[in-house]
């Protein structure tokens, strides 16, 4: 073992925090699932929330971003973080579904409002 490798080993054993962050002890996350090729616009969408914005005149403090994965067309819907699922559903129907129909699949950031 080279001298610098020995010094690294000594350092690692001396400081326990490096011992705790050992990849061998972490559960593997599994294989990634590729997204399929798209055939028609507004059939597959992504949605995410952008939070931390200053309050608007209508008391909105977030932006709901809905993106078509094929043509990259986007809706930016102002909303309140306190909105419940029924309010989000109404916003979605009034802003997106009335123009483009219900998508086949939705990929989201797993916000509890989207997964409930």
PDB file of N, CA and C in Angstrom:
ATOM      1  N   UNK A   1       0.848  -1.169   0.000  1.00  0.00           N
ATOM      2  CA  UNK A   1       0.000   0.000   0.000  1.00  0.00           C
ATOM      3  C   UNK A   1       0.899   1.240   0.000  1.00  0.00           C
ATOM      4  N   UNK A   2       0.576   2.195  -0.870  1.00  0.00           N
ATOM      5  CA  UNK A   2       1.358   3.423  -0.960  1.00  0.00           C
ATOM      6  C   UNK A   2       1.143   4.273   0.285  1.00  0.00           C
ATOM      7  N   UNK A   3       2.068   5.193   0.511  1.00  0.00           N
ATOM      8  CA  UNK A   3       2.033   6.027   1.712  1.00  0.00           C
ATOM      9  C   UNK A   3       0.776   6.900   1.765  1.00  0.00           C
ATOM     10  N   UNK A   4       0.390   7.475   0.618  1.00  0.00           N
ATOM     11  CA  UNK A   4      -0.810   8.325   0.614  1.00  0.00           C
ATOM     12  C   UNK A   4      -2.077   7.500   0.850  1.00  0.00           C
ATOM     13  N   UNK A   5      -2.133   6.267   0.362  1.00  0.00           N
ATOM     14  CA  UNK A   5      -3.284   5.401   0.620  1.00  0.00           C
ATOM     15  C   UNK A   5      -3.385   5.064   2.098  1.00  0.00           C
ATOM     16  N   UNK A   6      -2.243   4.869   2.739  1.00  0.00           N
ATOM     17  CA  UNK A   6      -2.232   4.572   4.174  1.00  0.00           C
ATOM     18  C   UNK A   6      -2.730   5.773   4.967  1.00  0.00           C
ATOM     19  N   UNK A   7      -2.344   6.982   4.563  1.00  0.00           N
ATOM     20  CA  UNK A   7      -2.798   8.188   5.249  1.00  0.00           C
ATOM     21  C   UNK A   7      -4.309   8.365   5.075  1.00  0.00           C
ATOM     22  N   UNK A   8      -4.825   8.044   3.899  1.00  0.00           N
ATOM     23  CA  UNK A   8      -6.268   8.139   3.666  1.00  0.00           C
ATOM     24  C   UNK A   8      -7.001   7.145   4.552  1.00  0.00           C
ATOM     25  N   UNK A   9      -6.495   5.914   4.634  1.00  0.00           N
ATOM     26  CA  UNK A   9      -7.120   4.903   5.494  1.00  0.00           C
ATOM     27  C   UNK A   9      -7.121   5.335   6.952  1.00  0.00           C
ATOM     28  N   UNK A  10      -6.028   5.913   7.415  1.00  0.00           N
ATOM     29  CA  UNK A  10      -5.947   6.382   8.801  1.00  0.00           C
ATOM     30  C   UNK A  10      -6.955   7.497   9.047  1.00  0.00           C
ATOM     31  N   UNK A  11      -7.061   8.406   8.094  1.00  0.00           N
ATOM     32  CA  UNK A  11      -8.008   9.517   8.222  1.00  0.00           C
ATOM     33  C   UNK A  11      -9.443   8.993   8.286  1.00  0.00           C
ATOM     34  N   UNK A  12      -9.765   8.052   7.424  1.00  0.00           N
ATOM     35  CA  UNK A  12     -11.121   7.501   7.363  1.00  0.00           C
ATOM     36  C   UNK A  12     -11.491   6.778   8.661  1.00  0.00           C
ATOM     37  N   UNK A  13     -10.557   6.036   9.235  1.00  0.00           N
ATOM     38  CA  UNK A  13     -10.866   5.327  10.477  1.00  0.00           C
ATOM     39  C   UNK A  13     -10.928   6.272  11.664  1.00  0.00           C
ATOM     40  N   UNK A  14     -10.201   7.389  11.597  1.00  0.00           N
ATOM     41  CA  UNK A  14     -10.177   8.343  12.706  1.00  0.00           C
ATOM     42  C   UNK A  14     -11.482   9.124  12.803  1.00  0.00           C
ATOM     43  N   UNK A  15     -12.061   9.492  11.658  1.00  0.00           N
ATOM     44  CA  UNK A  15     -13.282  10.301  11.651  1.00  0.00           C
ATOM     45  C   UNK A  15     -14.470   9.407  11.298  1.00  0.00           C
ATOM     46  N   UNK A  16     -15.328   9.183  12.282  1.00  0.00           N
ATOM     47  CA  UNK A  16     -16.447   8.248  12.147  1.00  0.00           C
ATOM     48  C   UNK A  16     -17.488   8.637  11.125  1.00  0.00           C
ATOM     49  N   UNK A  17     -17.626   9.922  10.852  1.00  0.00           N
ATOM     50  CA  UNK A  17     -18.653  10.359   9.914  1.00  0.00           C
ATOM     51  C   UNK A  17     -18.423   9.745   8.532  1.00  0.00           C
ATOM     52  N   UNK A  18     -17.177   9.561   8.156  1.00  0.00           N
ATOM     53  CA  UNK A  18     -16.878   8.942   6.869  1.00  0.00           C
ATOM     54  C   UNK A  18     -17.210   7.453   6.877  1.00  0.00           C
ATOM     55  N   UNK A  19     -17.163   6.854   8.046  1.00  0.00           N
ATOM     56  CA  UNK A  19     -17.531   5.449   8.176  1.00  0.00           C
ATOM     57  C   UNK A  19     -19.032   5.274   7.971  1.00  0.00           C
ATOM     58  N   UNK A  20     -19.836   6.254   8.431  1.00  0.00           N
ATOM     59  CA  UNK A  20     -21.295   6.154   8.357  1.00  0.00           C
ATOM     60  C   UNK A  20     -21.802   6.310   6.932  1.00  0.00           C
ATOM     61  N   UNK A  21     -21.111   7.069   6.124  1.00  0.00           N
ATOM     62  CA  UNK A  21     -21.548   7.322   4.753  1.00  0.00           C
ATOM     63  C   UNK A  21     -20.887   6.295   3.838  1.00  0.00           C
ATOM     64  N   UNK A  22     -21.208   5.068   4.053  1.00  0.00           N
ATOM     65  CA  UNK A  22     -20.616   3.987   3.273  1.00  0.00           C
ATOM     66  C   UNK A  22     -21.704   3.425   2.366  1.00  0.00           C
ATOM     67  N   UNK A  23     -21.480   3.444   1.087  1.00  0.00           N
ATOM     68  CA  UNK A  23     -22.487   2.998   0.125  1.00  0.00           C
ATOM     69  C   UNK A  23     -22.875   1.533   0.296  1.00  0.00           C
ATOM     70  N   UNK A  24     -22.014   0.737   0.903  1.00  0.00           N
ATOM     71  CA  UNK A  24     -22.326  -0.677   1.080  1.00  0.00           C
ATOM     72  C   UNK A  24     -23.522  -0.871   2.007  1.00  0.00           C
ATOM     73  N   UNK A  25     -23.776   0.077   2.888  1.00  0.00           N
ATOM     74  CA  UNK A  25     -24.843  -0.051   3.862  1.00  0.00           C
ATOM     75  C   UNK A  25     -26.176   0.507   3.372  1.00  0.00           C
ATOM     76  N   UNK A  26     -26.194   1.104   2.206  1.00  0.00           N
ATOM     77  CA  UNK A  26     -27.425   1.689   1.681  1.00  0.00           C
ATOM     78  C   UNK A  26     -28.143   0.677   0.799  1.00  0.00           C
ATOM     79  N   UNK A  27     -29.459   0.693   0.913  1.00  0.00           N
ATOM     80  CA  UNK A  27     -30.282  -0.196   0.101  1.00  0.00           C
ATOM     81  C   UNK A  27     -30.243   0.271  -1.358  1.00  0.00           C
ATOM     82  N   UNK A  28     -30.026  -0.629  -2.317  1.00  0.00           N
ATOM     83  CA  UNK A  28     -30.017  -0.209  -3.722  1.00  0.00           C
ATOM     84  C   UNK A  28     -31.405   0.276  -4.145  1.00  0.00           C
ATOM     85  N   UNK A  29     -31.436   1.319  -4.973  1.00  0.00           N
ATOM     86  CA  UNK A  29     -32.717   1.907  -5.369  1.00  0.00           C
ATOM     87  C   UNK A  29     -33.386   1.157  -6.508  1.00  0.00           C
ATOM     88  N   UNK A  30     -32.704   0.276  -7.153  1.00  0.00           N
ATOM     89  CA  UNK A  30     -33.288  -0.494  -8.241  1.00  0.00           C
ATOM     90  C   UNK A  30     -33.027   0.155  -9.584  1.00  0.00           C
ATOM     91  N   UNK A  31     -33.370  -0.529 -10.659  1.00  0.00           N
ATOM     92  CA  UNK A  31     -33.114   0.006 -11.995  1.00  0.00           C
ATOM     93  C   UNK A  31     -34.042   1.177 -12.317  1.00  0.00           C
ATOM     94  N   UNK A  32     -33.558   2.086 -13.126  1.00  0.00           N
ATOM     95  CA  UNK A  32     -34.382   3.200 -13.573  1.00  0.00           C
ATOM     96  C   UNK A  32     -35.409   2.701 -14.575  1.00  0.00           C
ATOM     97  N   UNK A  33     -36.549   3.348 -14.599  1.00  0.00           N
ATOM     98  CA  UNK A  33     -37.596   2.984 -15.542  1.00  0.00           C
ATOM     99  C   UNK A  33     -37.620   4.028 -16.653  1.00  0.00           C
ATOM    100  N   UNK A  34     -37.241   3.659 -17.860  1.00  0.00           N
ATOM    101  CA  UNK A  34     -37.212   4.647 -18.942  1.00  0.00           C
ATOM    102  C   UNK A  34     -38.625   5.084 -19.324  1.00  0.00           C
ATOM    103  N   UNK A  35     -38.753   6.349 -19.717  1.00  0.00           N
ATOM    104  CA  UNK A  35     -40.024   6.855 -20.216  1.00  0.00           C
ATOM    105  C   UNK A  35     -40.148   6.462 -21.686  1.00  0.00           C
ATOM    106  N   UNK A  36     -41.329   6.029 -22.082  1.00  0.00           N
ATOM    107  CA  UNK A  36     -41.549   5.554 -23.451  1.00  0.00           C
ATOM    108  C   UNK A  36     -41.557   6.709 -24.440  1.00  0.00           C
ATOM    109  N   UNK A  37     -41.332   6.386 -25.712  1.00  0.00           N
ATOM    110  CA  UNK A  37     -41.419   7.395 -26.756  1.00  0.00           C
ATOM    111  C   UNK A  37     -42.858   7.863 -26.905  1.00  0.00           C
ATOM    112  N   UNK A  38     -43.024   9.120 -27.198  1.00  0.00           N
ATOM    113  CA  UNK A  38     -44.358   9.717 -27.258  1.00  0.00           C
ATOM    114  C   UNK A  38     -44.892   9.707 -28.685  1.00  0.00           C
ATOM    115  N   UNK A  39     -46.228   9.644 -28.783  1.00  0.00           N
ATOM    116  CA  UNK A  39     -46.845   9.599 -30.101  1.00  0.00           C
ATOM    117  C   UNK A  39     -47.735  10.802 -30.383  1.00  0.00           C
ATOM    118  N   UNK A  40     -48.372  11.374 -29.333  1.00  0.00           N
ATOM    119  CA  UNK A  40     -49.322  12.449 -29.567  1.00  0.00           C
ATOM    120  C   UNK A  40     -49.200  13.505 -28.476  1.00  0.00           C
ATOM    121  N   UNK A  41     -49.404  14.772 -28.851  1.00  0.00           N
ATOM    122  CA  UNK A  41     -49.249  15.853 -27.885  1.00  0.00           C
ATOM    123  C   UNK A  41     -50.325  15.800 -26.800  1.00  0.00           C
ATOM    124  N   UNK A  42     -49.970  16.244 -25.627  1.00  0.00           N
ATOM    125  CA  UNK A  42     -50.796  16.285 -24.419  1.00  0.00           C
ATOM    126  C   UNK A  42     -51.314  14.913 -24.009  1.00  0.00           C
ATOM    127  N   UNK A  43     -50.608  13.862 -24.447  1.00  0.00           N
ATOM    128  CA  UNK A  43     -50.938  12.510 -24.019  1.00  0.00           C
ATOM    129  C   UNK A  43     -50.170  12.152 -22.747  1.00  0.00           C
ATOM    130  N   UNK A  44     -48.961  12.686 -22.622  1.00  0.00           N
ATOM    131  CA  UNK A  44     -48.121  12.435 -21.449  1.00  0.00           C
ATOM    132  C   UNK A  44     -47.602  13.771 -20.939  1.00  0.00           C
ATOM    133  N   UNK A  45     -47.797  14.021 -19.645  1.00  0.00           N
ATOM    134  CA  UNK A  45     -47.415  15.318 -19.086  1.00  0.00           C
ATOM    135  C   UNK A  45     -46.566  15.147 -17.829  1.00  0.00           C
ATOM    136  N   UNK A  46     -45.826  16.186 -17.517  1.00  0.00           N
ATOM    137  CA  UNK A  46     -45.111  16.311 -16.249  1.00  0.00           C
ATOM    138  C   UNK A  46     -45.756  17.448 -15.479  1.00  0.00           C
ATOM    139  N   UNK A  47     -45.788  17.331 -14.157  1.00  0.00           N
ATOM    140  CA  UNK A  47     -46.274  18.453 -13.358  1.00  0.00           C
ATOM    141  C   UNK A  47     -45.407  18.609 -12.123  1.00  0.00           C
ATOM    142  N   UNK A  48     -45.242  19.865 -11.725  1.00  0.00           N
ATOM    143  CA  UNK A  48     -44.395  20.183 -10.595  1.00  0.00           C
ATOM    144  C   UNK A  48     -44.901  21.478  -9.974  1.00  0.00           C
ATOM    145  N   UNK A  49     -44.540  21.704  -8.723  1.00  0.00           N
ATOM    146  CA  UNK A  49     -44.902  22.941  -8.036  1.00  0.00           C
ATOM    147  C   UNK A  49     -43.657  23.774  -7.816  1.00  0.00           C
ATOM    148  N   UNK A  50     -43.754  25.065  -8.118  1.00  0.00           N
ATOM    149  CA  UNK A  50     -42.692  26.015  -7.807  1.00  0.00           C
ATOM    150  C   UNK A  50     -43.205  26.830  -6.631  1.00  0.00           C
ATOM    151  N   UNK A  51     -42.522  26.709  -5.504  1.00  0.00           N
ATOM    152  CA  UNK A  51     -42.987  27.352  -4.277  1.00  0.00           C
ATOM    153  C   UNK A  51     -42.012  28.436  -3.831  1.00  0.00           C
ATOM    154  N   UNK A  52     -42.425  29.165  -2.806  1.00  0.00           N
ATOM    155  CA  UNK A  52     -41.555  30.187  -2.234  1.00  0.00           C
ATOM    156  C   UNK A  52     -41.647  31.526  -2.928  1.00  0.00           C
ATOM    157  N   UNK A  53     -42.639  31.719  -3.768  1.00  0.00           N
ATOM    158  CA  UNK A  53     -42.813  33.000  -4.444  1.00  0.00           C
ATOM    159  C   UNK A  53     -43.473  33.998  -3.495  1.00  0.00           C
ATOM    160  N   UNK A  54     -43.232  35.296  -3.712  1.00  0.00           N
ATOM    161  CA  UNK A  54     -43.961  36.285  -2.906  1.00  0.00           C
ATOM    162  C   UNK A  54     -45.448  36.241  -3.256  1.00  0.00           C
ATOM    163  N   UNK A  55     -46.282  36.577  -2.317  1.00  0.00           N
ATOM    164  CA  UNK A  55     -47.738  36.541  -2.533  1.00  0.00           C
ATOM    165  C   UNK A  55     -48.165  37.576  -3.576  1.00  0.00           C
ATOM    166  N   UNK A  56     -49.086  37.161  -4.443  1.00  0.00           N
ATOM    167  CA  UNK A  56     -49.625  38.065  -5.458  1.00  0.00           C
ATOM    168  C   UNK A  56     -50.826  38.821  -4.886  1.00  0.00           C
ATOM    169  N   UNK A  57     -51.424  39.682  -5.695  1.00  0.00           N
ATOM    170  CA  UNK A  57     -52.618  40.423  -5.250  1.00  0.00           C
ATOM    171  C   UNK A  57     -53.769  39.487  -4.907  1.00  0.00           C
ATOM    172  N   UNK A  58     -53.828  38.361  -5.603  1.00  0.00           N
ATOM    173  CA  UNK A  58     -54.895  37.378  -5.343  1.00  0.00           C
ATOM    174  C   UNK A  58     -54.482  36.354  -4.300  1.00  0.00           C
ATOM    175  N   UNK A  59     -53.382  36.630  -3.586  1.00  0.00           N
ATOM    176  CA  UNK A  59     -52.883  35.803  -2.480  1.00  0.00           C
ATOM    177  C   UNK A  59     -52.291  34.474  -2.942  1.00  0.00           C
ATOM    178  N   UNK A  60     -51.935  34.353  -4.231  1.00  0.00           N
ATOM    179  CA  UNK A  60     -51.263  33.141  -4.722  1.00  0.00           C
ATOM    180  C   UNK A  60     -49.793  33.203  -4.319  1.00  0.00           C
ATOM    181  N   UNK A  61     -49.246  32.053  -3.906  1.00  0.00           N
ATOM    182  CA  UNK A  61     -47.848  32.015  -3.481  1.00  0.00           C
ATOM    183  C   UNK A  61     -47.041  30.909  -4.164  1.00  0.00           C
ATOM    184  N   UNK A  62     -47.646  30.225  -5.139  1.00  0.00           N
ATOM    185  CA  UNK A  62     -46.985  29.119  -5.831  1.00  0.00           C
ATOM    186  C   UNK A  62     -47.395  29.112  -7.294  1.00  0.00           C
ATOM    187  N   UNK A  63     -46.636  28.381  -8.080  1.00  0.00           N
ATOM    188  CA  UNK A  63     -46.972  28.200  -9.501  1.00  0.00           C
ATOM    189  C   UNK A  63     -46.982  26.708  -9.790  1.00  0.00           C
ATOM    190  N   UNK A  64     -48.068  26.247 -10.340  1.00  0.00           N
ATOM    191  CA  UNK A  64     -48.212  24.858 -10.747  1.00  0.00           C
ATOM    192  C   UNK A  64     -47.790  24.785 -12.209  1.00  0.00           C
ATOM    193  N   UNK A  65     -46.729  24.049 -12.500  1.00  0.00           N
ATOM    194  CA  UNK A  65     -46.195  23.939 -13.857  1.00  0.00           C
ATOM    195  C   UNK A  65     -46.635  22.603 -14.439  1.00  0.00           C
ATOM    196  N   UNK A  66     -47.330  22.663 -15.574  1.00  0.00           N
ATOM    197  CA  UNK A  66     -47.795  21.463 -16.265  1.00  0.00           C
ATOM    198  C   UNK A  66     -47.188  21.497 -17.665  1.00  0.00           C
ATOM    199  N   UNK A  67     -46.398  20.464 -17.995  1.00  0.00           N
ATOM    200  CA  UNK A  67     -45.610  20.446 -19.225  1.00  0.00           C
ATOM    201  C   UNK A  67     -45.981  19.251 -20.081  1.00  0.00           C
ATOM    202  N   UNK A  68     -46.262  19.515 -21.348  1.00  0.00           N
ATOM    203  CA  UNK A  68     -46.444  18.424 -22.308  1.00  0.00           C
ATOM    204  C   UNK A  68     -45.060  17.916 -22.693  1.00  0.00           C
ATOM    205  N   UNK A  69     -44.829  16.621 -22.543  1.00  0.00           N
ATOM    206  CA  UNK A  69     -43.502  16.062 -22.776  1.00  0.00           C
ATOM    207  C   UNK A  69     -43.115  16.017 -24.252  1.00  0.00           C
ATOM    208  N   UNK A  70     -44.072  15.987 -25.160  1.00  0.00           N
ATOM    209  CA  UNK A  70     -43.753  15.869 -26.584  1.00  0.00           C
ATOM    210  C   UNK A  70     -43.374  17.214 -27.194  1.00  0.00           C
ATOM    211  N   UNK A  71     -44.245  18.207 -27.076  1.00  0.00           N
ATOM    212  CA  UNK A  71     -43.998  19.486 -27.742  1.00  0.00           C
ATOM    213  C   UNK A  71     -43.466  20.562 -26.801  1.00  0.00           C
ATOM    214  N   UNK A  72     -43.308  20.216 -25.522  1.00  0.00           N
ATOM    215  CA  UNK A  72     -42.744  21.123 -24.515  1.00  0.00           C
ATOM    216  C   UNK A  72     -43.596  22.373 -24.303  1.00  0.00           C
ATOM    217  N   UNK A  73     -44.873  22.272 -24.590  1.00  0.00           N
ATOM    218  CA  UNK A  73     -45.806  23.352 -24.293  1.00  0.00           C
ATOM    219  C   UNK A  73     -46.113  23.311 -22.796  1.00  0.00           C
ATOM    220  N   UNK A  74     -46.276  24.487 -22.181  1.00  0.00           N
ATOM    221  CA  UNK A  74     -46.375  24.537 -20.731  1.00  0.00           C
ATOM    222  C   UNK A  74     -47.509  25.433 -20.271  1.00  0.00           C
ATOM    223  N   UNK A  75     -48.151  25.021 -19.194  1.00  0.00           N
ATOM    224  CA  UNK A  75     -49.102  25.860 -18.471  1.00  0.00           C
ATOM    225  C   UNK A  75     -48.453  26.272 -17.159  1.00  0.00           C
ATOM    226  N   UNK A  76     -48.573  27.541 -16.812  1.00  0.00           N
ATOM    227  CA  UNK A  76     -48.127  28.051 -15.520  1.00  0.00           C
ATOM    228  C   UNK A  76     -49.377  28.549 -14.806  1.00  0.00           C
ATOM    229  N   UNK A  77     -49.814  27.804 -13.810  1.00  0.00           N
ATOM    230  CA  UNK A  77     -51.065  28.120 -13.124  1.00  0.00           C
ATOM    231  C   UNK A  77     -50.750  28.670 -11.732  1.00  0.00           C
ATOM    232  N   UNK A  78     -51.072  29.954 -11.471  1.00  0.00           N
ATOM    233  CA  UNK A  78     -50.843  30.489 -10.125  1.00  0.00           C
ATOM    234  C   UNK A  78     -51.808  29.848  -9.138  1.00  0.00           C
ATOM    235  N   UNK A  79     -51.326  29.556  -7.933  1.00  0.00           N
ATOM    236  CA  UNK A  79     -52.171  28.903  -6.930  1.00  0.00           C
ATOM    237  C   UNK A  79     -51.653  29.189  -5.532  1.00  0.00           C
ATOM    238  N   UNK A  80     -52.408  28.761  -4.561  1.00  0.00           N
ATOM    239  CA  UNK A  80     -52.018  28.874  -3.159  1.00  0.00           C
ATOM    240  C   UNK A  80     -51.529  27.518  -2.687  1.00  0.00           C
ATOM    241  N   UNK A  81     -50.476  27.503  -1.886  1.00  0.00           N
ATOM    242  CA  UNK A  81     -49.967  26.233  -1.343  1.00  0.00           C
ATOM    243  C   UNK A  81     -50.999  25.558  -0.450  1.00  0.00           C
ATOM    244  N   UNK A  82     -51.937  26.311   0.068  1.00  0.00           N
ATOM    245  CA  UNK A  82     -52.951  25.733   0.953  1.00  0.00           C
ATOM    246  C   UNK A  82     -54.125  25.131   0.190  1.00  0.00           C
ATOM    247  N   UNK A  83     -54.121  25.222  -1.143  1.00  0.00           N
ATOM    248  CA  UNK A  83     -55.212  24.632  -1.929  1.00  0.00           C
ATOM    249  C   UNK A  83     -55.302  23.134  -1.678  1.00  0.00           C
ATOM    250  N   UNK A  84     -56.520  22.661  -1.544  1.00  0.00           N
ATOM    251  CA  UNK A  84     -56.760  21.231  -1.356  1.00  0.00           C
ATOM    252  C   UNK A  84     -56.873  20.542  -2.716  1.00  0.00           C
ATOM    253  N   UNK A  85     -56.932  19.229  -2.696  1.00  0.00           N
ATOM    254  CA  UNK A  85     -56.947  18.426  -3.927  1.00  0.00           C
ATOM    255  C   UNK A  85     -58.140  18.782  -4.811  1.00  0.00           C
ATOM    256  N   UNK A  86     -59.301  19.006  -4.241  1.00  0.00           N
ATOM    257  CA  UNK A  86     -60.472  19.322  -5.077  1.00  0.00           C
ATOM    258  C   UNK A  86     -60.289  20.640  -5.818  1.00  0.00           C
ATOM    259  N   UNK A  87     -59.644  21.613  -5.205  1.00  0.00           N
ATOM    260  CA  UNK A  87     -59.355  22.888  -5.865  1.00  0.00           C
ATOM    261  C   UNK A  87     -58.343  22.680  -6.994  1.00  0.00           C
ATOM    262  N   UNK A  88     -57.326  21.844  -6.749  1.00  0.00           N
ATOM    263  CA  UNK A  88     -56.352  21.542  -7.802  1.00  0.00           C
ATOM    264  C   UNK A  88     -57.010  20.827  -8.980  1.00  0.00           C
ATOM    265  N   UNK A  89     -57.916  19.907  -8.682  1.00  0.00           N
ATOM    266  CA  UNK A  89     -58.618  19.189  -9.754  1.00  0.00           C
ATOM    267  C   UNK A  89     -59.434  20.156 -10.598  1.00  0.00           C
ATOM    268  N   UNK A  90     -60.131  21.086  -9.946  1.00  0.00           N
ATOM    269  CA  UNK A  90     -60.908  22.085 -10.690  1.00  0.00           C
ATOM    270  C   UNK A  90     -60.007  22.977 -11.539  1.00  0.00           C
ATOM    271  N   UNK A  91     -58.880  23.413 -10.973  1.00  0.00           N
ATOM    272  CA  UNK A  91     -57.925  24.212 -11.746  1.00  0.00           C
ATOM    273  C   UNK A  91     -57.437  23.438 -12.969  1.00  0.00           C
ATOM    274  N   UNK A  92     -57.109  22.165 -12.770  1.00  0.00           N
ATOM    275  CA  UNK A  92     -56.596  21.337 -13.850  1.00  0.00           C
ATOM    276  C   UNK A  92     -57.634  21.164 -14.966  1.00  0.00           C
ATOM    277  N   UNK A  93     -58.860  20.864 -14.591  1.00  0.00           N
ATOM    278  CA  UNK A  93     -59.922  20.679 -15.592  1.00  0.00           C
ATOM    279  C   UNK A  93     -60.186  21.982 -16.339  1.00  0.00           C
ATOM    280  N   UNK A  94     -60.269  23.090 -15.603  1.00  0.00           N
ATOM    281  CA  UNK A  94     -60.580  24.377 -16.231  1.00  0.00           C
ATOM    282  C   UNK A  94     -59.452  24.907 -17.118  1.00  0.00           C
ATOM    283  N   UNK A  95     -58.210  24.623 -16.774  1.00  0.00           N
ATOM    284  CA  UNK A  95     -57.082  25.184 -17.511  1.00  0.00           C
ATOM    285  C   UNK A  95     -56.493  24.248 -18.570  1.00  0.00           C
ATOM    286  N   UNK A  96     -56.498  22.949 -18.319  1.00  0.00           N
ATOM    287  CA  UNK A  96     -55.791  22.021 -19.218  1.00  0.00           C
ATOM    288  C   UNK A  96     -56.750  21.078 -19.944  1.00  0.00           C
ATOM    289  N   UNK A  97     -57.571  20.369 -19.212  1.00  0.00           N
ATOM    290  CA  UNK A  97     -58.429  19.345 -19.829  1.00  0.00           C
ATOM    291  C   UNK A  97     -59.402  19.953 -20.825  1.00  0.00           C
ATOM    292  N   UNK A  98     -59.918  21.130 -20.532  1.00  0.00           N
ATOM    293  CA  UNK A  98     -60.878  21.742 -21.473  1.00  0.00           C
ATOM    294  C   UNK A  98     -60.242  22.023 -22.835  1.00  0.00           C
ATOM    295  N   UNK A  99     -58.913  22.168 -22.873  1.00  0.00           N
ATOM    296  CA  UNK A  99     -58.219  22.430 -24.136  1.00  0.00           C
ATOM    297  C   UNK A  99     -57.593  21.186 -24.766  1.00  0.00           C
ATOM    298  N   UNK A 100     -57.141  20.236 -23.935  1.00  0.00           N
ATOM    299  CA  UNK A 100     -56.308  19.158 -24.477  1.00  0.00           C
ATOM    300  C   UNK A 100     -56.738  17.743 -24.108  1.00  0.00           C
ATOM    301  N   UNK A 101     -57.779  17.543 -23.401  1.00  0.00           N
ATOM    302  CA  UNK A 101     -58.290  16.249 -22.927  1.00  0.00           C
ATOM    303  C   UNK A 101     -57.436  15.690 -21.785  1.00  0.00           C
ATOM    304  N   UNK A 102     -57.867  14.567 -21.216  1.00  0.00           N
ATOM    305  CA  UNK A 102     -57.178  13.926 -20.091  1.00  0.00           C
ATOM    306  C   UNK A 102     -55.980  13.145 -20.629  1.00  0.00           C
ATOM    307  N   UNK A 103     -54.800  13.296 -20.015  1.00  0.00           N
ATOM    308  CA  UNK A 103     -53.621  12.592 -20.520  1.00  0.00           C
ATOM    309  C   UNK A 103     -53.638  11.110 -20.183  1.00  0.00           C
ATOM    310  N   UNK A 104     -52.811  10.356 -20.891  1.00  0.00           N
ATOM    311  CA  UNK A 104     -52.654   8.930 -20.639  1.00  0.00           C
ATOM    312  C   UNK A 104     -51.840   8.709 -19.374  1.00  0.00           C
ATOM    313  N   UNK A 105     -50.776   9.526 -19.189  1.00  0.00           N
ATOM    314  CA  UNK A 105     -49.951   9.384 -17.988  1.00  0.00           C
ATOM    315  C   UNK A 105     -49.471  10.747 -17.505  1.00  0.00           C
ATOM    316  N   UNK A 106     -49.214  10.797 -16.190  1.00  0.00           N
ATOM    317  CA  UNK A 106     -48.725  12.010 -15.543  1.00  0.00           C
ATOM    318  C   UNK A 106     -47.497  11.630 -14.724  1.00  0.00           C
ATOM    319  N   UNK A 107     -46.409  12.364 -14.917  1.00  0.00           N
ATOM    320  CA  UNK A 107     -45.212  12.213 -14.100  1.00  0.00           C
ATOM    321  C   UNK A 107     -45.141  13.444 -13.217  1.00  0.00           C
ATOM    322  N   UNK A 108     -45.057  13.235 -11.898  1.00  0.00           N
ATOM    323  CA  UNK A 108     -45.038  14.376 -10.985  1.00  0.00           C
ATOM    324  C   UNK A 108     -43.865  14.278 -10.036  1.00  0.00           C
ATOM    325  N   UNK A 109     -43.721  15.308  -9.209  1.00  0.00           N
ATOM    326  CA  UNK A 109     -42.650  15.321  -8.218  1.00  0.00           C
ATOM    327  C   UNK A 109     -43.056  14.623  -6.936  1.00  0.00           C
ATOM    328  N   UNK A 110     -44.126  13.887  -6.969  1.00  0.00           N
ATOM    329  CA  UNK A 110     -44.633  13.119  -5.828  1.00  0.00           C
ATOM    330  C   UNK A 110     -45.068  13.996  -4.665  1.00  0.00           C
ATOM    331  N   UNK A 111     -45.544  15.179  -4.974  1.00  0.00           N
ATOM    332  CA  UNK A 111     -46.143  16.008  -3.940  1.00  0.00           C
ATOM    333  C   UNK A 111     -47.323  15.243  -3.364  1.00  0.00           C
ATOM    334  N   UNK A 112     -47.540  15.282  -2.054  1.00  0.00           N
ATOM    335  CA  UNK A 112     -48.645  14.501  -1.458  1.00  0.00           C
ATOM    336  C   UNK A 112     -50.000  14.799  -2.073  1.00  0.00           C
ATOM    337  N   UNK A 113     -50.197  16.016  -2.564  1.00  0.00           N
ATOM    338  CA  UNK A 113     -51.499  16.334  -3.204  1.00  0.00           C
ATOM    339  C   UNK A 113     -51.669  15.586  -4.521  1.00  0.00           C
ATOM    340  N   UNK A 114     -50.570  15.299  -5.220  1.00  0.00           N
ATOM    341  CA  UNK A 114     -50.671  14.578  -6.488  1.00  0.00           C
ATOM    342  C   UNK A 114     -50.785  13.078  -6.289  1.00  0.00           C
ATOM    343  N   UNK A 115     -50.212  12.551  -5.219  1.00  0.00           N
ATOM    344  CA  UNK A 115     -50.213  11.106  -5.018  1.00  0.00           C
ATOM    345  C   UNK A 115     -51.375  10.618  -4.161  1.00  0.00           C
ATOM    346  N   UNK A 116     -52.126  11.538  -3.568  1.00  0.00           N
ATOM    347  CA  UNK A 116     -53.247  11.095  -2.705  1.00  0.00           C
ATOM    348  C   UNK A 116     -54.459  10.727  -3.524  1.00  0.00           C
TER     349      UNK A 116
END
